[in-house]
Amino acid sequence: METLQELRLVKPPHVGGFVKMEIIEPAGLKVVEAARILGVSRQALSTFLNERSDLSADMALRIEKAFGVRMETLMKMQASYDIAQARLREDEIDVQRYETA
């Protein structure tokens, strides 16, 4: 079992960076071209690829349809990223365990 310290050290990549480095750039696509293929605005795709927004289920499905990367894989990557980010802020959340009487 992983310790809390080990969990804090795990830093999964942001899905946007993954899509940018592993799909968009190897295909030789510019953001505007990729956005047209995906049917989204250039700004929406740019924000995602530059890791300033999270992956939505809609975007994951678009990426699957256009580039063949399974939606489930992308969404699991997003969940792993979200969990790691929450763990980094764990000390800021002041909640005590509930004990039944």
PDB file of N, CA and C in Angstrom:
ATOM      1  N   MET A   1       0.849  -1.187   0.000  1.00  0.00           N
ATOM      2  CA  MET A   1       0.000   0.000   0.000  1.00  0.00           C
ATOM      3  C   MET A   1       0.888   1.241   0.000  1.00  0.00           C
ATOM      4  N   GLU A   2       0.486   2.240  -0.767  1.00  0.00           N
ATOM      5  CA  GLU A   2       1.254   3.471  -0.862  1.00  0.00           C
ATOM      6  C   GLU A   2       1.043   4.322   0.376  1.00  0.00           C
ATOM      7  N   THR A   3       2.102   4.994   0.787  1.00  0.00           N
ATOM      8  CA  THR A   3       1.983   5.924   1.903  1.00  0.00           C
ATOM      9  C   THR A   3       1.469   7.249   1.367  1.00  0.00           C
ATOM     10  N   LEU A   4       0.988   8.078   2.267  1.00  0.00           N
ATOM     11  CA  LEU A   4       0.515   9.399   1.879  1.00  0.00           C
ATOM     12  C   LEU A   4       1.628  10.192   1.220  1.00  0.00           C
ATOM     13  N   GLN A   5       2.834  10.081   1.735  1.00  0.00           N
ATOM     14  CA  GLN A   5       3.979  10.784   1.156  1.00  0.00           C
ATOM     15  C   GLN A   5       4.223  10.331  -0.288  1.00  0.00           C
ATOM     16  N   GLU A   6       4.121   9.015  -0.541  1.00  0.00           N
ATOM     17  CA  GLU A   6       4.319   8.502  -1.892  1.00  0.00           C
ATOM     18  C   GLU A   6       3.226   9.018  -2.826  1.00  0.00           C
ATOM     19  N   LEU A   7       1.998   9.093  -2.344  1.00  0.00           N
ATOM     20  CA  LEU A   7       0.911   9.613  -3.155  1.00  0.00           C
ATOM     21  C   LEU A   7       1.140  11.074  -3.521  1.00  0.00           C
ATOM     22  N   ARG A   8       1.694  11.828  -2.598  1.00  0.00           N
ATOM     23  CA  ARG A   8       1.959  13.239  -2.864  1.00  0.00           C
ATOM     24  C   ARG A   8       3.046  13.431  -3.909  1.00  0.00           C
ATOM     25  N   LEU A   9       3.943  12.465  -4.038  1.00  0.00           N
ATOM     26  CA  LEU A   9       5.027  12.573  -5.000  1.00  0.00           C
ATOM     27  C   LEU A   9       4.590  12.216  -6.413  1.00  0.00           C
ATOM     28  N   VAL A  10       3.491  11.484  -6.538  1.00  0.00           N
ATOM     29  CA  VAL A  10       2.994  11.097  -7.849  1.00  0.00           C
ATOM     30  C   VAL A  10       2.353  12.323  -8.492  1.00  0.00           C
ATOM     31  N   LYS A  11       2.856  12.674  -9.654  1.00  0.00           N
ATOM     32  CA  LYS A  11       2.310  13.832 -10.346  1.00  0.00           C
ATOM     33  C   LYS A  11       1.969  13.443 -11.779  1.00  0.00           C
ATOM     34  N   PRO A  12       0.774  12.915 -11.982  1.00  0.00           N
ATOM     35  CA  PRO A  12       0.382  12.545 -13.342  1.00  0.00           C
ATOM     36  C   PRO A  12       0.385  13.773 -14.245  1.00  0.00           C
ATOM     37  N   PRO A  13       0.670  13.590 -15.518  1.00  0.00           N
ATOM     38  CA  PRO A  13       0.673  14.726 -16.433  1.00  0.00           C
ATOM     39  C   PRO A  13      -0.736  15.255 -16.673  1.00  0.00           C
ATOM     40  N   HIS A  14      -0.811  16.521 -16.984  1.00  0.00           N
ATOM     41  CA  HIS A  14      -2.091  17.100 -17.393  1.00  0.00           C
ATOM     42  C   HIS A  14      -2.445  16.497 -18.750  1.00  0.00           C
ATOM     43  N   VAL A  15      -3.687  16.151 -18.947  1.00  0.00           N
ATOM     44  CA  VAL A  15      -4.112  15.497 -20.178  1.00  0.00           C
ATOM     45  C   VAL A  15      -3.874  16.393 -21.390  1.00  0.00           C
ATOM     46  N   GLY A  16      -4.030  17.701 -21.212  1.00  0.00           N
ATOM     47  CA  GLY A  16      -3.811  18.622 -22.326  1.00  0.00           C
ATOM     48  C   GLY A  16      -2.383  18.560 -22.848  1.00  0.00           C
ATOM     49  N   GLY A  17      -1.433  18.502 -21.939  1.00  0.00           N
ATOM     50  CA  GLY A  17      -0.033  18.382 -22.347  1.00  0.00           C
ATOM     51  C   GLY A  17       0.229  17.073 -23.066  1.00  0.00           C
ATOM     52  N   PHE A  18      -0.394  15.997 -22.575  1.00  0.00           N
ATOM     53  CA  PHE A  18      -0.270  14.699 -23.226  1.00  0.00           C
ATOM     54  C   PHE A  18      -0.814  14.755 -24.651  1.00  0.00           C
ATOM     55  N   VAL A  19      -2.014  15.287 -24.808  1.00  0.00           N
ATOM     56  CA  VAL A  19      -2.632  15.362 -26.136  1.00  0.00           C
ATOM     57  C   VAL A  19      -1.773  16.212 -27.070  1.00  0.00           C
ATOM     58  N   LYS A  20      -1.263  17.298 -26.564  1.00  0.00           N
ATOM     59  CA  LYS A  20      -0.420  18.184 -27.368  1.00  0.00           C
ATOM     60  C   LYS A  20       0.849  17.464 -27.842  1.00  0.00           C
ATOM     61  N   MET A  21       1.560  16.834 -26.891  1.00  0.00           N
ATOM     62  CA  MET A  21       2.857  16.223 -27.196  1.00  0.00           C
ATOM     63  C   MET A  21       2.745  14.877 -27.915  1.00  0.00           C
ATOM     64  N   GLU A  22       1.686  14.118 -27.651  1.00  0.00           N
ATOM     65  CA  GLU A  22       1.580  12.765 -28.192  1.00  0.00           C
ATOM     66  C   GLU A  22       0.635  12.628 -29.387  1.00  0.00           C
ATOM     67  N   ILE A  23      -0.219  13.623 -29.602  1.00  0.00           N
ATOM     68  CA  ILE A  23      -1.190  13.509 -30.695  1.00  0.00           C
ATOM     69  C   ILE A  23      -1.072  14.670 -31.682  1.00  0.00           C
ATOM     70  N   ILE A  24      -1.247  15.882 -31.190  1.00  0.00           N
ATOM     71  CA  ILE A  24      -1.311  17.049 -32.077  1.00  0.00           C
ATOM     72  C   ILE A  24       0.029  17.329 -32.759  1.00  0.00           C
ATOM     73  N   GLU A  25       1.096  17.464 -31.975  1.00  0.00           N
ATOM     74  CA  GLU A  25       2.404  17.783 -32.555  1.00  0.00           C
ATOM     75  C   GLU A  25       2.931  16.684 -33.478  1.00  0.00           C
ATOM     76  N   PRO A  26       2.867  15.393 -33.086  1.00  0.00           N
ATOM     77  CA  PRO A  26       3.344  14.351 -34.006  1.00  0.00           C
ATOM     78  C   PRO A  26       2.573  14.308 -35.332  1.00  0.00           C
ATOM     79  N   ALA A  27       1.314  14.736 -35.306  1.00  0.00           N
ATOM     80  CA  ALA A  27       0.509  14.770 -36.531  1.00  0.00           C
ATOM     81  C   ALA A  27       0.855  15.982 -37.393  1.00  0.00           C
ATOM     82  N   GLY A  28       1.706  16.867 -36.854  1.00  0.00           N
ATOM     83  CA  GLY A  28       2.100  18.063 -37.599  1.00  0.00           C
ATOM     84  C   GLY A  28       1.000  19.107 -37.707  1.00  0.00           C
ATOM     85  N   LEU A  29       0.074  19.075 -36.751  1.00  0.00           N
ATOM     86  CA  LEU A  29      -1.071  19.988 -36.786  1.00  0.00           C
ATOM     87  C   LEU A  29      -0.808  21.254 -35.983  1.00  0.00           C
ATOM     88  N   LYS A  30      -1.298  22.347 -36.483  1.00  0.00           N
ATOM     89  CA  LYS A  30      -1.345  23.598 -35.731  1.00  0.00           C
ATOM     90  C   LYS A  30      -2.648  23.573 -34.933  1.00  0.00           C
ATOM     91  N   VAL A  31      -2.716  24.397 -33.902  1.00  0.00           N
ATOM     92  CA  VAL A  31      -3.905  24.417 -33.040  1.00  0.00           C
ATOM     93  C   VAL A  31      -5.161  24.726 -33.845  1.00  0.00           C
ATOM     94  N   VAL A  32      -5.087  25.679 -34.747  1.00  0.00           N
ATOM     95  CA  VAL A  32      -6.272  26.051 -35.522  1.00  0.00           C
ATOM     96  C   VAL A  32      -6.750  24.884 -36.382  1.00  0.00           C
ATOM     97  N   GLU A  33      -5.818  24.103 -36.939  1.00  0.00           N
ATOM     98  CA  GLU A  33      -6.198  22.937 -37.746  1.00  0.00           C
ATOM     99  C   GLU A  33      -6.822  21.847 -36.871  1.00  0.00           C
ATOM    100  N   ALA A  34      -6.203  21.581 -35.739  1.00  0.00           N
ATOM    101  CA  ALA A  34      -6.721  20.563 -34.823  1.00  0.00           C
ATOM    102  C   ALA A  34      -8.102  20.965 -34.305  1.00  0.00           C
ATOM    103  N   ALA A  35      -8.280  22.241 -34.010  1.00  0.00           N
ATOM    104  CA  ALA A  35      -9.581  22.726 -33.531  1.00  0.00           C
ATOM    105  C   ALA A  35     -10.662  22.507 -34.590  1.00  0.00           C
ATOM    106  N   ARG A  36     -10.314  22.767 -35.853  1.00  0.00           N
ATOM    107  CA  ARG A  36     -11.274  22.553 -36.938  1.00  0.00           C
ATOM    108  C   ARG A  36     -11.638  21.077 -37.037  1.00  0.00           C
ATOM    109  N   ILE A  37     -10.647  20.204 -36.952  1.00  0.00           N
ATOM    110  CA  ILE A  37     -10.887  18.753 -37.004  1.00  0.00           C
ATOM    111  C   ILE A  37     -11.800  18.311 -35.866  1.00  0.00           C
ATOM    112  N   LEU A  38     -11.569  18.861 -34.672  1.00  0.00           N
ATOM    113  CA  LEU A  38     -12.343  18.476 -33.490  1.00  0.00           C
ATOM    114  C   LEU A  38     -13.694  19.176 -33.399  1.00  0.00           C
ATOM    115  N   GLY A  39     -13.874  20.227 -34.179  1.00  0.00           N
ATOM    116  CA  GLY A  39     -15.137  20.962 -34.134  1.00  0.00           C
ATOM    117  C   GLY A  39     -15.288  21.824 -32.906  1.00  0.00           C
ATOM    118  N   VAL A  40     -14.154  22.384 -32.444  1.00  0.00           N
ATOM    119  CA  VAL A  40     -14.164  23.282 -31.278  1.00  0.00           C
ATOM    120  C   VAL A  40     -13.459  24.574 -31.662  1.00  0.00           C
ATOM    121  N   SER A  41     -13.575  25.575 -30.817  1.00  0.00           N
ATOM    122  CA  SER A  41     -12.890  26.840 -31.114  1.00  0.00           C
ATOM    123  C   SER A  41     -11.387  26.697 -30.881  1.00  0.00           C
ATOM    124  N   ARG A  42     -10.622  27.511 -31.574  1.00  0.00           N
ATOM    125  CA  ARG A  42      -9.179  27.519 -31.394  1.00  0.00           C
ATOM    126  C   ARG A  42      -8.835  27.849 -29.954  1.00  0.00           C
ATOM    127  N   GLN A  43      -9.556  28.802 -29.380  1.00  0.00           N
ATOM    128  CA  GLN A  43      -9.297  29.213 -27.996  1.00  0.00           C
ATOM    129  C   GLN A  43      -9.555  28.079 -27.007  1.00  0.00           C
ATOM    130  N   ALA A  44     -10.657  27.354 -27.198  1.00  0.00           N
ATOM    131  CA  ALA A  44     -10.976  26.242 -26.290  1.00  0.00           C
ATOM    132  C   ALA A  44      -9.892  25.170 -26.352  1.00  0.00           C
ATOM    133  N   LEU A  45      -9.445  24.838 -27.554  1.00  0.00           N
ATOM    134  CA  LEU A  45      -8.416  23.812 -27.688  1.00  0.00           C
ATOM    135  C   LEU A  45      -7.076  24.312 -27.145  1.00  0.00           C
ATOM    136  N   SER A  46      -6.739  25.541 -27.440  1.00  0.00           N
ATOM    137  CA  SER A  46      -5.480  26.113 -26.950  1.00  0.00           C
ATOM    138  C   SER A  46      -5.446  26.124 -25.426  1.00  0.00           C
ATOM    139  N   THR A  47      -6.534  26.523 -24.811  1.00  0.00           N
ATOM    140  CA  THR A  47      -6.614  26.558 -23.346  1.00  0.00           C
ATOM    141  C   THR A  47      -6.398  25.164 -22.767  1.00  0.00           C
ATOM    142  N   PHE A  48      -6.985  24.155 -23.388  1.00  0.00           N
ATOM    143  CA  PHE A  48      -6.820  22.783 -22.938  1.00  0.00           C
ATOM    144  C   PHE A  48      -5.391  22.286 -23.158  1.00  0.00           C
ATOM    145  N   LEU A  49      -4.865  22.472 -24.359  1.00  0.00           N
ATOM    146  CA  LEU A  49      -3.520  21.982 -24.679  1.00  0.00           C
ATOM    147  C   LEU A  49      -2.445  22.645 -23.831  1.00  0.00           C
ATOM    148  N   ASN A  50      -2.691  23.887 -23.436  1.00  0.00           N
ATOM    149  CA  ASN A  50      -1.724  24.618 -22.607  1.00  0.00           C
ATOM    150  C   ASN A  50      -2.008  24.458 -21.111  1.00  0.00           C
ATOM    151  N   GLU A  51      -2.821  23.447 -20.785  1.00  0.00           N
ATOM    152  CA  GLU A  51      -3.054  23.010 -19.411  1.00  0.00           C
ATOM    153  C   GLU A  51      -3.727  24.048 -18.526  1.00  0.00           C
ATOM    154  N   ARG A  52      -4.599  24.852 -19.135  1.00  0.00           N
ATOM    155  CA  ARG A  52      -5.335  25.847 -18.364  1.00  0.00           C
ATOM    156  C   ARG A  52      -6.809  25.479 -18.197  1.00  0.00           C
ATOM    157  N   SER A  53      -7.213  24.341 -18.776  1.00  0.00           N
ATOM    158  CA  SER A  53      -8.566  23.841 -18.554  1.00  0.00           C
ATOM    159  C   SER A  53      -8.518  22.317 -18.500  1.00  0.00           C
ATOM    160  N   ASP A  54      -9.521  21.743 -17.860  1.00  0.00           N
ATOM    161  CA  ASP A  54      -9.602  20.295 -17.730  1.00  0.00           C
ATOM    162  C   ASP A  54     -10.243  19.678 -18.969  1.00  0.00           C
ATOM    163  N   LEU A  55     -10.053  18.390 -19.098  1.00  0.00           N
ATOM    164  CA  LEU A  55     -10.668  17.636 -20.187  1.00  0.00           C
ATOM    165  C   LEU A  55     -12.135  17.388 -19.869  1.00  0.00           C
ATOM    166  N   SER A  56     -12.993  17.738 -20.789  1.00  0.00           N
ATOM    167  CA  SER A  56     -14.417  17.425 -20.635  1.00  0.00           C
ATOM    168  C   SER A  56     -14.697  16.099 -21.339  1.00  0.00           C
ATOM    169  N   ALA A  57     -15.801  15.483 -20.980  1.00  0.00           N
ATOM    170  CA  ALA A  57     -16.193  14.240 -21.636  1.00  0.00           C
ATOM    171  C   ALA A  57     -16.431  14.483 -23.128  1.00  0.00           C
ATOM    172  N   ASP A  58     -16.992  15.623 -23.466  1.00  0.00           N
ATOM    173  CA  ASP A  58     -17.246  15.976 -24.857  1.00  0.00           C
ATOM    174  C   ASP A  58     -15.932  16.061 -25.641  1.00  0.00           C
ATOM    175  N   MET A  59     -14.939  16.729 -25.081  1.00  0.00           N
ATOM    176  CA  MET A  59     -13.646  16.855 -25.759  1.00  0.00           C
ATOM    177  C   MET A  59     -12.977  15.494 -25.875  1.00  0.00           C
ATOM    178  N   ALA A  60     -13.077  14.676 -24.842  1.00  0.00           N
ATOM    179  CA  ALA A  60     -12.487  13.333 -24.891  1.00  0.00           C
ATOM    180  C   ALA A  60     -13.105  12.512 -26.019  1.00  0.00           C
ATOM    181  N   LEU A  61     -14.408  12.614 -26.186  1.00  0.00           N
ATOM    182  CA  LEU A  61     -15.079  11.880 -27.256  1.00  0.00           C
ATOM    183  C   LEU A  61     -14.658  12.407 -28.626  1.00  0.00           C
ATOM    184  N   ARG A  62     -14.501  13.700 -28.743  1.00  0.00           N
ATOM    185  CA  ARG A  62     -14.036  14.295 -30.006  1.00  0.00           C
ATOM    186  C   ARG A  62     -12.628  13.795 -30.351  1.00  0.00           C
ATOM    187  N   ILE A  63     -11.762  13.751 -29.353  1.00  0.00           N
ATOM    188  CA  ILE A  63     -10.389  13.279 -29.576  1.00  0.00           C
ATOM    189  C   ILE A  63     -10.401  11.801 -29.973  1.00  0.00           C
ATOM    190  N   GLU A  64     -11.241  11.008 -29.323  1.00  0.00           N
ATOM    191  CA  GLU A  64     -11.362   9.599 -29.695  1.00  0.00           C
ATOM    192  C   GLU A  64     -11.795   9.454 -31.147  1.00  0.00           C
ATOM    193  N   LYS A  65     -12.823  10.191 -31.529  1.00  0.00           N
ATOM    194  CA  LYS A  65     -13.344  10.077 -32.891  1.00  0.00           C
ATOM    195  C   LYS A  65     -12.321  10.540 -33.929  1.00  0.00           C
ATOM    196  N   ALA A  66     -11.578  11.580 -33.631  1.00  0.00           N
ATOM    197  CA  ALA A  66     -10.638  12.133 -34.600  1.00  0.00           C
ATOM    198  C   ALA A  66      -9.308  11.392 -34.643  1.00  0.00           C
ATOM    199  N   PHE A  67      -8.809  10.984 -33.469  1.00  0.00           N
ATOM    200  CA  PHE A  67      -7.447  10.461 -33.406  1.00  0.00           C
ATOM    201  C   PHE A  67      -7.324   9.037 -32.873  1.00  0.00           C
ATOM    202  N   GLY A  68      -8.434   8.442 -32.447  1.00  0.00           N
ATOM    203  CA  GLY A  68      -8.420   7.045 -32.053  1.00  0.00           C
ATOM    204  C   GLY A  68      -7.990   6.735 -30.635  1.00  0.00           C
ATOM    205  N   VAL A  69      -7.708   7.745 -29.827  1.00  0.00           N
ATOM    206  CA  VAL A  69      -7.347   7.505 -28.424  1.00  0.00           C
ATOM    207  C   VAL A  69      -8.640   7.354 -27.633  1.00  0.00           C
ATOM    208  N   ARG A  70      -8.787   6.238 -26.943  1.00  0.00           N
ATOM    209  CA  ARG A  70     -10.034   5.943 -26.244  1.00  0.00           C
ATOM    210  C   ARG A  70     -10.414   7.031 -25.239  1.00  0.00           C
ATOM    211  N   MET A  71     -11.670   7.398 -25.295  1.00  0.00           N
ATOM    212  CA  MET A  71     -12.237   8.377 -24.372  1.00  0.00           C
ATOM    213  C   MET A  71     -12.001   7.956 -22.929  1.00  0.00           C
ATOM    214  N   GLU A  72     -12.199   6.667 -22.646  1.00  0.00           N
ATOM    215  CA  GLU A  72     -12.027   6.162 -21.288  1.00  0.00           C
ATOM    216  C   GLU A  72     -10.600   6.365 -20.790  1.00  0.00           C
ATOM    217  N   THR A  73      -9.628   6.153 -21.667  1.00  0.00           N
ATOM    218  CA  THR A  73      -8.224   6.348 -21.302  1.00  0.00           C
ATOM    219  C   THR A  73      -7.972   7.805 -20.941  1.00  0.00           C
ATOM    220  N   LEU A  74      -8.460   8.704 -21.770  1.00  0.00           N
ATOM    221  CA  LEU A  74      -8.262  10.134 -21.526  1.00  0.00           C
ATOM    222  C   LEU A  74      -8.946  10.583 -20.236  1.00  0.00           C
ATOM    223  N   MET A  75     -10.162  10.080 -20.003  1.00  0.00           N
ATOM    224  CA  MET A  75     -10.899  10.470 -18.799  1.00  0.00           C
ATOM    225  C   MET A  75     -10.237   9.905 -17.539  1.00  0.00           C
ATOM    226  N   LYS A  76      -9.657   8.708 -17.637  1.00  0.00           N
ATOM    227  CA  LYS A  76      -8.914   8.148 -16.495  1.00  0.00           C
ATOM    228  C   LYS A  76      -7.680   8.992 -16.204  1.00  0.00           C
ATOM    229  N   MET A  77      -7.022   9.475 -17.262  1.00  0.00           N
ATOM    230  CA  MET A  77      -5.876  10.359 -17.063  1.00  0.00           C
ATOM    231  C   MET A  77      -6.310  11.641 -16.356  1.00  0.00           C
ATOM    232  N   GLN A  78      -7.461  12.190 -16.753  1.00  0.00           N
ATOM    233  CA  GLN A  78      -7.971  13.402 -16.122  1.00  0.00           C
ATOM    234  C   GLN A  78      -8.285  13.139 -14.652  1.00  0.00           C
ATOM    235  N   ALA A  79      -8.912  12.001 -14.359  1.00  0.00           N
ATOM    236  CA  ALA A  79      -9.237  11.659 -12.965  1.00  0.00           C
ATOM    237  C   ALA A  79      -7.973  11.514 -12.132  1.00  0.00           C
ATOM    238  N   SER A  80      -6.952  10.875 -12.675  1.00  0.00           N
ATOM    239  CA  SER A  80      -5.678  10.721 -11.950  1.00  0.00           C
ATOM    240  C   SER A  80      -5.046  12.071 -11.668  1.00  0.00           C
ATOM    241  N   TYR A  81      -5.101  12.953 -12.644  1.00  0.00           N
ATOM    242  CA  TYR A  81      -4.565  14.304 -12.478  1.00  0.00           C
ATOM    243  C   TYR A  81      -5.345  15.052 -11.383  1.00  0.00           C
ATOM    244  N   ASP A  82      -6.671  14.958 -11.432  1.00  0.00           N
ATOM    245  CA  ASP A  82      -7.519  15.633 -10.441  1.00  0.00           C
ATOM    246  C   ASP A  82      -7.244  15.114  -9.032  1.00  0.00           C
ATOM    247  N   ILE A  83      -7.092  13.807  -8.893  1.00  0.00           N
ATOM    248  CA  ILE A  83      -6.805  13.212  -7.587  1.00  0.00           C
ATOM    249  C   ILE A  83      -5.476  13.728  -7.057  1.00  0.00           C
ATOM    250  N   ALA A  84      -4.465  13.741  -7.905  1.00  0.00           N
ATOM    251  CA  ALA A  84      -3.143  14.222  -7.478  1.00  0.00           C
ATOM    252  C   ALA A  84      -3.200  15.686  -7.058  1.00  0.00           C
ATOM    253  N   GLN A  85      -3.955  16.496  -7.782  1.00  0.00           N
ATOM    254  CA  GLN A  85      -4.083  17.914  -7.426  1.00  0.00           C
ATOM    255  C   GLN A  85      -4.794  18.081  -6.089  1.00  0.00           C
ATOM    256  N   ALA A  86      -5.827  17.287  -5.853  1.00  0.00           N
ATOM    257  CA  ALA A  86      -6.542  17.353  -4.571  1.00  0.00           C
ATOM    258  C   ALA A  86      -5.628  16.933  -3.429  1.00  0.00           C
ATOM    259  N   ARG A  87      -4.828  15.885  -3.641  1.00  0.00           N
ATOM    260  CA  ARG A  87      -3.900  15.428  -2.604  1.00  0.00           C
ATOM    261  C   ARG A  87      -2.899  16.524  -2.248  1.00  0.00           C
ATOM    262  N   LEU A  88      -2.487  17.304  -3.232  1.00  0.00           N
ATOM    263  CA  LEU A  88      -1.545  18.391  -2.964  1.00  0.00           C
ATOM    264  C   LEU A  88      -2.161  19.457  -2.060  1.00  0.00           C
ATOM    265  N   ARG A  89      -3.482  19.596  -2.107  1.00  0.00           N
ATOM    266  CA  ARG A  89      -4.195  20.596  -1.295  1.00  0.00           C
ATOM    267  C   ARG A  89      -4.820  19.989  -0.045  1.00  0.00           C
ATOM    268  N   GLU A  90      -4.511  18.746   0.233  1.00  0.00           N
ATOM    269  CA  GLU A  90      -5.151  18.017   1.324  1.00  0.00           C
ATOM    270  C   GLU A  90      -5.048  18.734   2.668  1.00  0.00           C
ATOM    271  N   ASP A  91      -3.918  19.316   2.967  1.00  0.00           N
ATOM    272  CA  ASP A  91      -3.729  19.995   4.258  1.00  0.00           C
ATOM    273  C   ASP A  91      -4.604  21.242   4.402  1.00  0.00           C
ATOM    274  N   GLU A  92      -5.101  21.764   3.301  1.00  0.00           N
ATOM    275  CA  GLU A  92      -5.947  22.961   3.335  1.00  0.00           C
ATOM    276  C   GLU A  92      -7.403  22.633   3.663  1.00  0.00           C
ATOM    277  N   ILE A  93      -7.754  21.359   3.614  1.00  0.00           N
ATOM    278  CA  ILE A  93      -9.140  20.942   3.838  1.00  0.00           C
ATOM    279  C   ILE A  93      -9.269  20.438   5.269  1.00  0.00           C
ATOM    280  N   ASP A  94      -9.983  21.207   6.076  1.00  0.00           N
ATOM    281  CA  ASP A  94     -10.107  20.896   7.499  1.00  0.00           C
ATOM    282  C   ASP A  94     -11.429  20.188   7.768  1.00  0.00           C
ATOM    283  N   VAL A  95     -11.408  18.867   7.672  1.00  0.00           N
ATOM    284  CA  VAL A  95     -12.577  18.053   7.940  1.00  0.00           C
ATOM    285  C   VAL A  95     -12.144  16.918   8.852  1.00  0.00           C
ATOM    286  N   GLN A  96     -12.983  16.679   9.892  1.00  0.00           N
ATOM    287  CA  GLN A  96     -12.691  15.604  10.832  1.00  0.00           C
ATOM    288  C   GLN A  96     -13.522  14.386  10.466  1.00  0.00           C
ATOM    289  N   ARG A  97     -13.001  13.205  10.755  1.00  0.00           N
ATOM    290  CA  ARG A  97     -13.735  11.972  10.502  1.00  0.00           C
ATOM    291  C   ARG A  97     -14.994  11.947  11.361  1.00  0.00           C
ATOM    292  N   TYR A  98     -16.101  11.534  10.748  1.00  0.00           N
ATOM    293  CA  TYR A  98     -17.365  11.414  11.449  1.00  0.00           C
ATOM    294  C   TYR A  98     -17.380  10.116  12.221  1.00  0.00           C
ATOM    295  N   GLU A  99     -17.727  10.172  13.459  1.00  0.00           N
ATOM    296  CA  GLU A  99     -17.845   8.997  14.336  1.00  0.00           C
ATOM    297  C   GLU A  99     -19.306   8.854  14.752  1.00  0.00           C
ATOM    298  N   THR A 100     -19.847   7.672  14.588  1.00  0.00           N
ATOM    299  CA  THR A 100     -21.218   7.442  15.015  1.00  0.00           C
ATOM    300  C   THR A 100     -21.256   7.335  16.550  1.00  0.00           C
ATOM    301  N   ALA A 101     -22.379   7.716  17.109  1.00  0.00           N
ATOM    302  CA  ALA A 101     -22.516   7.717  18.576  1.00  0.00           C
ATOM    303  C   ALA A 101     -22.628   6.340  19.147  1.00  0.00           C
TER     304      ALA A 101
END
